[in-house]
């Protein structure tokens, strides 16, 4: 059995597939290691592959006219990206860069399209996942439009905590959380503003910070 079968099984995109189908997918994947801060693809490039994260983390980002970076999403182990361009055959809609050294499984367009034809369940999963991502994007847009800067930062940290943190009674703990630059780029503000807002939330008892470990005291939060 291919050693990447377990990695593929853990990906939500292929959750409804049978073992023999997963095994077939594993045979058409290629593993590649990318160093930290490597641009995997850029906005406007032709999309010719789907990527599955075996180990590591990537960020999906856009650049403003002034060259400033805006992070749309951060994807970790068992996540995937690049599927949209394979489906609509339009150029890549964003840039994707590694946050740390990352091992990625790659499935090429021709193989991926055969999978869709042979396995309608994958198509349904894609629709569900794209719908969730669209809803998340809508929520982020609402946050940028209606929440204060402090509210946007807190909401961003809570989203990370809900996804990869640990809940302990009225606390949400994030180990190895985002840097202040990453928070700024995701919340549409400067690093200096993030520093001030984090200090303010610490003083209010909303969060505790130790290096890059964040503890959110949920009982103190009201949006």
C-alpha atoms as a PDB file:
ATOM      1  CA  UNK A   1       0.000   0.000   0.000  1.00  0.00           C
ATOM      2  CA  UNK A   2       1.252   3.506  -0.868  1.00  0.00           C
ATOM      3  CA  UNK A   3       2.603   5.284   2.206  1.00  0.00           C
ATOM      4  CA  UNK A   4       0.524   8.393   1.473  1.00  0.00           C
ATOM      5  CA  UNK A   5      -2.841   6.620   1.722  1.00  0.00           C
ATOM      6  CA  UNK A   6      -3.403   7.754   5.325  1.00  0.00           C
ATOM      7  CA  UNK A   7      -2.576  11.344   4.392  1.00  0.00           C
ATOM      8  CA  UNK A   8      -5.102  11.284   1.555  1.00  0.00           C
ATOM      9  CA  UNK A   9      -7.762   9.661   3.758  1.00  0.00           C
ATOM     10  CA  UNK A  10      -7.501  12.553   6.219  1.00  0.00           C
ATOM     11  CA  UNK A  11      -8.319  15.149   3.537  1.00  0.00           C
ATOM     12  CA  UNK A  12     -11.966  16.256   3.642  1.00  0.00           C
ATOM     13  CA  UNK A  13     -12.095  16.369  -0.153  1.00  0.00           C
ATOM     14  CA  UNK A  14     -11.738  12.574  -0.342  1.00  0.00           C
ATOM     15  CA  UNK A  15     -13.649  11.674   2.834  1.00  0.00           C
ATOM     16  CA  UNK A  16     -16.454   9.804   1.029  1.00  0.00           C
ATOM     17  CA  UNK A  17     -14.182   7.581  -1.040  1.00  0.00           C
ATOM     18  CA  UNK A  18     -13.587   3.858  -0.601  1.00  0.00           C
ATOM     19  CA  UNK A  19     -10.202   2.380   0.289  1.00  0.00           C
ATOM     20  CA  UNK A  20      -9.531   1.143  -3.234  1.00  0.00           C
ATOM     21  CA  UNK A  21     -10.295   4.605  -4.614  1.00  0.00           C
ATOM     22  CA  UNK A  22      -7.951   6.217  -2.095  1.00  0.00           C
ATOM     23  CA  UNK A  23      -5.282   3.713  -3.118  1.00  0.00           C
ATOM     24  CA  UNK A  24      -5.800   4.672  -6.766  1.00  0.00           C
ATOM     25  CA  UNK A  25      -5.382   8.351  -5.909  1.00  0.00           C
ATOM     26  CA  UNK A  26      -2.201   7.635  -3.989  1.00  0.00           C
ATOM     27  CA  UNK A  27      -0.654   6.142  -7.108  1.00  0.00           C
ATOM     28  CA  UNK A  28      -1.057   9.381  -9.104  1.00  0.00           C
ATOM     29  CA  UNK A  29       0.357  11.709  -6.449  1.00  0.00           C
ATOM     30  CA  UNK A  30       3.869  13.087  -6.322  1.00  0.00           C
ATOM     31  CA  UNK A  31       5.531  14.255  -3.087  1.00  0.00           C
ATOM     32  CA  UNK A  32       7.610  17.409  -3.116  1.00  0.00           C
ATOM     33  CA  UNK A  33       9.245  19.345  -0.279  1.00  0.00           C
ATOM     34  CA  UNK A  34       9.188  23.142  -0.397  1.00  0.00           C
ATOM     35  CA  UNK A  35      11.401  25.349   1.788  1.00  0.00           C
ATOM     36  CA  UNK A  36      10.068  28.060   4.111  1.00  0.00           C
ATOM     37  CA  UNK A  37       8.850  31.266   2.402  1.00  0.00           C
ATOM     38  CA  UNK A  38       8.696  29.582  -1.013  1.00  0.00           C
ATOM     39  CA  UNK A  39       6.120  30.915  -3.484  1.00  0.00           C
ATOM     40  CA  UNK A  40       4.348  27.775  -4.721  1.00  0.00           C
ATOM     41  CA  UNK A  41       2.338  29.668  -7.305  1.00  0.00           C
ATOM     42  CA  UNK A  42       1.375  33.251  -8.054  1.00  0.00           C
ATOM     43  CA  UNK A  43      -1.858  35.020  -8.876  1.00  0.00           C
ATOM     44  CA  UNK A  44      -2.491  34.938 -12.618  1.00  0.00           C
ATOM     45  CA  UNK A  45      -0.554  31.734 -13.308  1.00  0.00           C
ATOM     46  CA  UNK A  46      -2.200  28.856 -15.129  1.00  0.00           C
ATOM     47  CA  UNK A  47      -3.502  26.302 -12.642  1.00  0.00           C
ATOM     48  CA  UNK A  48      -2.318  22.792 -13.409  1.00  0.00           C
ATOM     49  CA  UNK A  49      -2.214  20.994 -10.048  1.00  0.00           C
ATOM     50  CA  UNK A  50      -4.000  20.337  -6.757  1.00  0.00           C
ATOM     51  CA  UNK A  51      -1.832  20.372  -3.605  1.00  0.00           C
ATOM     52  CA  UNK A  52      -2.376  18.388  -0.391  1.00  0.00           C
ATOM     53  CA  UNK A  53      -0.408  19.295   2.736  1.00  0.00           C
ATOM     54  CA  UNK A  54       1.251  16.265   4.325  1.00  0.00           C
ATOM     55  CA  UNK A  55       3.364  18.326   6.704  1.00  0.00           C
ATOM     56  CA  UNK A  56       3.796  22.067   7.114  1.00  0.00           C
ATOM     57  CA  UNK A  57       1.730  25.174   6.541  1.00  0.00           C
ATOM     58  CA  UNK A  58       1.011  27.615   3.709  1.00  0.00           C
ATOM     59  CA  UNK A  59      -0.652  31.018   3.490  1.00  0.00           C
ATOM     60  CA  UNK A  60      -2.977  32.219   0.751  1.00  0.00           C
ATOM     61  CA  UNK A  61      -2.361  35.891   0.051  1.00  0.00           C
ATOM     62  CA  UNK A  62      -2.850  38.850  -2.218  1.00  0.00           C
ATOM     63  CA  UNK A  63      -0.674  41.928  -2.672  1.00  0.00           C
ATOM     64  CA  UNK A  64      -2.017  45.472  -2.658  1.00  0.00           C
ATOM     65  CA  UNK A  65      -0.917  48.125  -5.143  1.00  0.00           C
ATOM     66  CA  UNK A  66       1.587  49.335  -2.544  1.00  0.00           C
ATOM     67  CA  UNK A  67       3.064  45.839  -2.290  1.00  0.00           C
ATOM     68  CA  UNK A  68       1.490  45.173   1.091  1.00  0.00           C
ATOM     69  CA  UNK A  69       0.603  41.573   1.856  1.00  0.00           C
ATOM     70  CA  UNK A  70      -2.980  40.572   2.728  1.00  0.00           C
ATOM     71  CA  UNK A  71      -3.446  37.047   4.077  1.00  0.00           C
ATOM     72  CA  UNK A  72      -6.704  35.396   3.020  1.00  0.00           C
ATOM     73  CA  UNK A  73      -6.162  32.039   4.696  1.00  0.00           C
ATOM     74  CA  UNK A  74      -3.588  29.823   6.403  1.00  0.00           C
ATOM     75  CA  UNK A  75      -3.790  26.098   5.616  1.00  0.00           C
ATOM     76  CA  UNK A  76      -2.089  23.359   7.635  1.00  0.00           C
ATOM     77  CA  UNK A  77      -1.752  19.572   7.741  1.00  0.00           C
ATOM     78  CA  UNK A  78      -4.390  17.627   5.769  1.00  0.00           C
ATOM     79  CA  UNK A  79      -5.534  20.803   4.061  1.00  0.00           C
ATOM     80  CA  UNK A  80      -5.508  21.330   0.319  1.00  0.00           C
ATOM     81  CA  UNK A  81      -5.431  24.192  -2.157  1.00  0.00           C
ATOM     82  CA  UNK A  82      -5.297  24.891  -5.881  1.00  0.00           C
ATOM     83  CA  UNK A  83      -8.521  23.062  -6.761  1.00  0.00           C
ATOM     84  CA  UNK A  84     -10.402  26.116  -8.061  1.00  0.00           C
ATOM     85  CA  UNK A  85      -8.216  26.720 -11.112  1.00  0.00           C
ATOM     86  CA  UNK A  86      -8.384  23.024 -11.998  1.00  0.00           C
ATOM     87  CA  UNK A  87     -12.170  23.243 -12.182  1.00  0.00           C
ATOM     88  CA  UNK A  88     -12.780  26.574 -13.934  1.00  0.00           C
ATOM     89  CA  UNK A  89      -9.509  26.571 -15.941  1.00  0.00           C
ATOM     90  CA  UNK A  90      -9.006  30.254 -15.112  1.00  0.00           C
ATOM     91  CA  UNK A  91      -5.669  31.639 -13.851  1.00  0.00           C
ATOM     92  CA  UNK A  92      -4.811  31.306 -10.164  1.00  0.00           C
ATOM     93  CA  UNK A  93      -6.851  33.784  -8.103  1.00  0.00           C
ATOM     94  CA  UNK A  94      -4.251  34.280  -5.344  1.00  0.00           C
ATOM     95  CA  UNK A  95      -0.665  33.596  -4.319  1.00  0.00           C
ATOM     96  CA  UNK A  96       0.306  30.679  -2.088  1.00  0.00           C
ATOM     97  CA  UNK A  97       3.528  30.725  -0.044  1.00  0.00           C
ATOM     98  CA  UNK A  98       4.913  28.302   2.534  1.00  0.00           C
ATOM     99  CA  UNK A  99       4.976  29.513   6.126  1.00  0.00           C
ATOM    100  CA  UNK A 100       7.430  26.769   7.068  1.00  0.00           C
ATOM    101  CA  UNK A 101       9.146  23.902   5.281  1.00  0.00           C
ATOM    102  CA  UNK A 102       6.289  21.852   3.855  1.00  0.00           C
ATOM    103  CA  UNK A 103       5.775  18.411   2.287  1.00  0.00           C
ATOM    104  CA  UNK A 104       3.048  18.551  -0.353  1.00  0.00           C
ATOM    105  CA  UNK A 105       1.373  15.863  -2.420  1.00  0.00           C
ATOM    106  CA  UNK A 106       0.676  17.055  -5.963  1.00  0.00           C
ATOM    107  CA  UNK A 107      -2.098  15.805  -8.276  1.00  0.00           C
ATOM    108  CA  UNK A 108      -1.943  17.051 -11.878  1.00  0.00           C
ATOM    109  CA  UNK A 109      -4.958  18.447 -13.749  1.00  0.00           C
ATOM    110  CA  UNK A 110      -5.500  15.509 -16.143  1.00  0.00           C
ATOM    111  CA  UNK A 111      -5.453  12.984 -13.292  1.00  0.00           C
ATOM    112  CA  UNK A 112      -7.670  15.169 -11.118  1.00  0.00           C
ATOM    113  CA  UNK A 113     -10.300  15.592 -13.834  1.00  0.00           C
ATOM    114  CA  UNK A 114     -10.450  11.810 -14.304  1.00  0.00           C
ATOM    115  CA  UNK A 115     -11.060  11.492 -10.572  1.00  0.00           C
ATOM    116  CA  UNK A 116     -14.010  13.879 -10.808  1.00  0.00           C
ATOM    117  CA  UNK A 117     -15.493  11.960 -13.743  1.00  0.00           C
ATOM    118  CA  UNK A 118     -15.117   8.588 -12.031  1.00  0.00           C
ATOM    119  CA  UNK A 119     -16.125   9.738  -8.520  1.00  0.00           C
ATOM    120  CA  UNK A 120     -19.092  12.153  -8.316  1.00  0.00           C
ATOM    121  CA  UNK A 121     -18.757  12.177  -4.522  1.00  0.00           C
ATOM    122  CA  UNK A 122     -15.565  14.223  -4.857  1.00  0.00           C
ATOM    123  CA  UNK A 123     -17.444  16.855  -6.856  1.00  0.00           C
ATOM    124  CA  UNK A 124     -20.068  17.094  -4.102  1.00  0.00           C
ATOM    125  CA  UNK A 125     -17.326  17.431  -1.478  1.00  0.00           C
ATOM    126  CA  UNK A 126     -15.656  20.190  -3.476  1.00  0.00           C
ATOM    127  CA  UNK A 127     -18.935  22.127  -3.633  1.00  0.00           C
ATOM    128  CA  UNK A 128     -19.406  21.791   0.121  1.00  0.00           C
ATOM    129  CA  UNK A 129     -15.849  22.879   0.878  1.00  0.00           C
ATOM    130  CA  UNK A 130     -15.927  25.806  -1.536  1.00  0.00           C
ATOM    131  CA  UNK A 131     -19.211  26.869   0.067  1.00  0.00           C
ATOM    132  CA  UNK A 132     -17.608  26.815   3.528  1.00  0.00           C
ATOM    133  CA  UNK A 133     -14.641  28.804   2.280  1.00  0.00           C
ATOM    134  CA  UNK A 134     -16.952  31.364   0.679  1.00  0.00           C
ATOM    135  CA  UNK A 135     -18.898  31.725   3.928  1.00  0.00           C
ATOM    136  CA  UNK A 136     -15.635  32.181   5.832  1.00  0.00           C
ATOM    137  CA  UNK A 137     -14.552  34.854   3.357  1.00  0.00           C
ATOM    138  CA  UNK A 138     -17.912  36.610   3.788  1.00  0.00           C
ATOM    139  CA  UNK A 139     -17.453  36.574   7.573  1.00  0.00           C
ATOM    140  CA  UNK A 140     -13.969  38.049   7.225  1.00  0.00           C
ATOM    141  CA  UNK A 141     -15.285  40.809   4.954  1.00  0.00           C
ATOM    142  CA  UNK A 142     -18.031  41.591   7.487  1.00  0.00           C
ATOM    143  CA  UNK A 143     -15.394  41.731  10.213  1.00  0.00           C
ATOM    144  CA  UNK A 144     -13.263  44.176   8.253  1.00  0.00           C
ATOM    145  CA  UNK A 145     -16.308  46.320   7.540  1.00  0.00           C
ATOM    146  CA  UNK A 146     -18.082  46.384  10.905  1.00  0.00           C
ATOM    147  CA  UNK A 147     -15.740  45.380  13.720  1.00  0.00           C
ATOM    148  CA  UNK A 148     -13.207  47.624  15.428  1.00  0.00           C
ATOM    149  CA  UNK A 149      -9.524  46.829  14.914  1.00  0.00           C
ATOM    150  CA  UNK A 150      -9.422  45.161  18.321  1.00  0.00           C
ATOM    151  CA  UNK A 151     -12.524  43.163  17.420  1.00  0.00           C
ATOM    152  CA  UNK A 152     -10.993  42.006  14.118  1.00  0.00           C
ATOM    153  CA  UNK A 153      -7.801  40.867  15.835  1.00  0.00           C
ATOM    154  CA  UNK A 154      -9.707  39.037  18.555  1.00  0.00           C
ATOM    155  CA  UNK A 155     -12.025  37.374  16.028  1.00  0.00           C
ATOM    156  CA  UNK A 156      -9.017  36.281  13.947  1.00  0.00           C
ATOM    157  CA  UNK A 157      -7.320  34.735  16.994  1.00  0.00           C
ATOM    158  CA  UNK A 158     -10.553  32.979  17.977  1.00  0.00           C
ATOM    159  CA  UNK A 159     -10.888  31.499  14.481  1.00  0.00           C
ATOM    160  CA  UNK A 160      -7.375  30.075  14.794  1.00  0.00           C
ATOM    161  CA  UNK A 161      -8.177  28.815  18.278  1.00  0.00           C
ATOM    162  CA  UNK A 162     -11.378  27.105  17.119  1.00  0.00           C
ATOM    163  CA  UNK A 163      -9.496  25.391  14.302  1.00  0.00           C
ATOM    164  CA  UNK A 164      -6.233  24.363  15.951  1.00  0.00           C
ATOM    165  CA  UNK A 165      -6.305  25.475  19.591  1.00  0.00           C
ATOM    166  CA  UNK A 166      -7.239  23.673  22.798  1.00  0.00           C
ATOM    167  CA  UNK A 167     -10.355  24.472  24.843  1.00  0.00           C
ATOM    168  CA  UNK A 168      -9.914  24.404  28.618  1.00  0.00           C
ATOM    169  CA  UNK A 169     -13.121  25.465  30.406  1.00  0.00           C
ATOM    170  CA  UNK A 170     -13.484  29.211  29.664  1.00  0.00           C
ATOM    171  CA  UNK A 171     -10.123  29.448  27.945  1.00  0.00           C
ATOM    172  CA  UNK A 172      -8.957  28.889  24.379  1.00  0.00           C
ATOM    173  CA  UNK A 173      -5.231  28.163  24.136  1.00  0.00           C
ATOM    174  CA  UNK A 174      -3.225  28.650  20.934  1.00  0.00           C
ATOM    175  CA  UNK A 175       0.308  27.256  20.938  1.00  0.00           C
ATOM    176  CA  UNK A 176       2.689  28.641  18.300  1.00  0.00           C
ATOM    177  CA  UNK A 177       0.210  31.294  17.272  1.00  0.00           C
ATOM    178  CA  UNK A 178       0.609  33.819  14.459  1.00  0.00           C
ATOM    179  CA  UNK A 179       3.229  36.536  14.544  1.00  0.00           C
ATOM    180  CA  UNK A 180       2.130  40.158  14.857  1.00  0.00           C
ATOM    181  CA  UNK A 181       3.003  40.679  11.194  1.00  0.00           C
ATOM    182  CA  UNK A 182       0.734  37.752  10.227  1.00  0.00           C
ATOM    183  CA  UNK A 183      -2.064  39.156  12.391  1.00  0.00           C
ATOM    184  CA  UNK A 184      -1.646  42.598  10.821  1.00  0.00           C
ATOM    185  CA  UNK A 185      -1.714  41.199   7.284  1.00  0.00           C
ATOM    186  CA  UNK A 186      -4.851  39.190   8.043  1.00  0.00           C
ATOM    187  CA  UNK A 187      -6.727  41.995   9.789  1.00  0.00           C
ATOM    188  CA  UNK A 188      -5.903  44.925   7.520  1.00  0.00           C
ATOM    189  CA  UNK A 189      -3.809  46.981   9.934  1.00  0.00           C
ATOM    190  CA  UNK A 190      -0.181  47.699  10.823  1.00  0.00           C
ATOM    191  CA  UNK A 191       2.060  45.642  13.106  1.00  0.00           C
ATOM    192  CA  UNK A 192       2.285  48.643  15.465  1.00  0.00           C
ATOM    193  CA  UNK A 193      -1.510  48.703  15.726  1.00  0.00           C
ATOM    194  CA  UNK A 194      -1.576  44.981  16.486  1.00  0.00           C
ATOM    195  CA  UNK A 195       0.969  45.525  19.257  1.00  0.00           C
ATOM    196  CA  UNK A 196      -1.195  48.272  20.826  1.00  0.00           C
ATOM    197  CA  UNK A 197      -4.410  46.253  20.538  1.00  0.00           C
ATOM    198  CA  UNK A 198      -2.836  43.111  22.015  1.00  0.00           C
ATOM    199  CA  UNK A 199      -1.499  45.145  24.937  1.00  0.00           C
ATOM    200  CA  UNK A 200      -4.974  46.649  25.442  1.00  0.00           C
ATOM    201  CA  UNK A 201      -6.632  43.220  25.443  1.00  0.00           C
ATOM    202  CA  UNK A 202      -4.074  41.926  27.937  1.00  0.00           C
ATOM    203  CA  UNK A 203      -4.855  44.857  30.254  1.00  0.00           C
ATOM    204  CA  UNK A 204      -8.601  44.144  29.923  1.00  0.00           C
ATOM    205  CA  UNK A 205      -8.060  40.481  30.822  1.00  0.00           C
ATOM    206  CA  UNK A 206      -9.341  39.275  27.451  1.00  0.00           C
ATOM    207  CA  UNK A 207      -6.152  37.462  26.475  1.00  0.00           C
ATOM    208  CA  UNK A 208      -2.836  36.367  27.940  1.00  0.00           C
ATOM    209  CA  UNK A 209       0.296  36.154  25.797  1.00  0.00           C
ATOM    210  CA  UNK A 210       3.545  34.321  26.401  1.00  0.00           C
ATOM    211  CA  UNK A 211       5.885  34.576  23.444  1.00  0.00           C
ATOM    212  CA  UNK A 212       3.691  33.199  20.592  1.00  0.00           C
ATOM    213  CA  UNK A 213       1.300  31.342  22.892  1.00  0.00           C
ATOM    214  CA  UNK A 214      -2.119  33.009  23.232  1.00  0.00           C
ATOM    215  CA  UNK A 215      -4.753  32.227  25.839  1.00  0.00           C
ATOM    216  CA  UNK A 216      -8.158  33.751  25.087  1.00  0.00           C
ATOM    217  CA  UNK A 217     -10.390  34.140  28.157  1.00  0.00           C
ATOM    218  CA  UNK A 218     -13.733  33.576  26.454  1.00  0.00           C
ATOM    219  CA  UNK A 219     -15.808  34.561  29.509  1.00  0.00           C
ATOM    220  CA  UNK A 220     -14.501  38.132  29.064  1.00  0.00           C
ATOM    221  CA  UNK A 221     -15.608  38.421  25.413  1.00  0.00           C
ATOM    222  CA  UNK A 222     -18.701  40.082  24.027  1.00  0.00           C
ATOM    223  CA  UNK A 223     -18.932  41.105  20.373  1.00  0.00           C
END
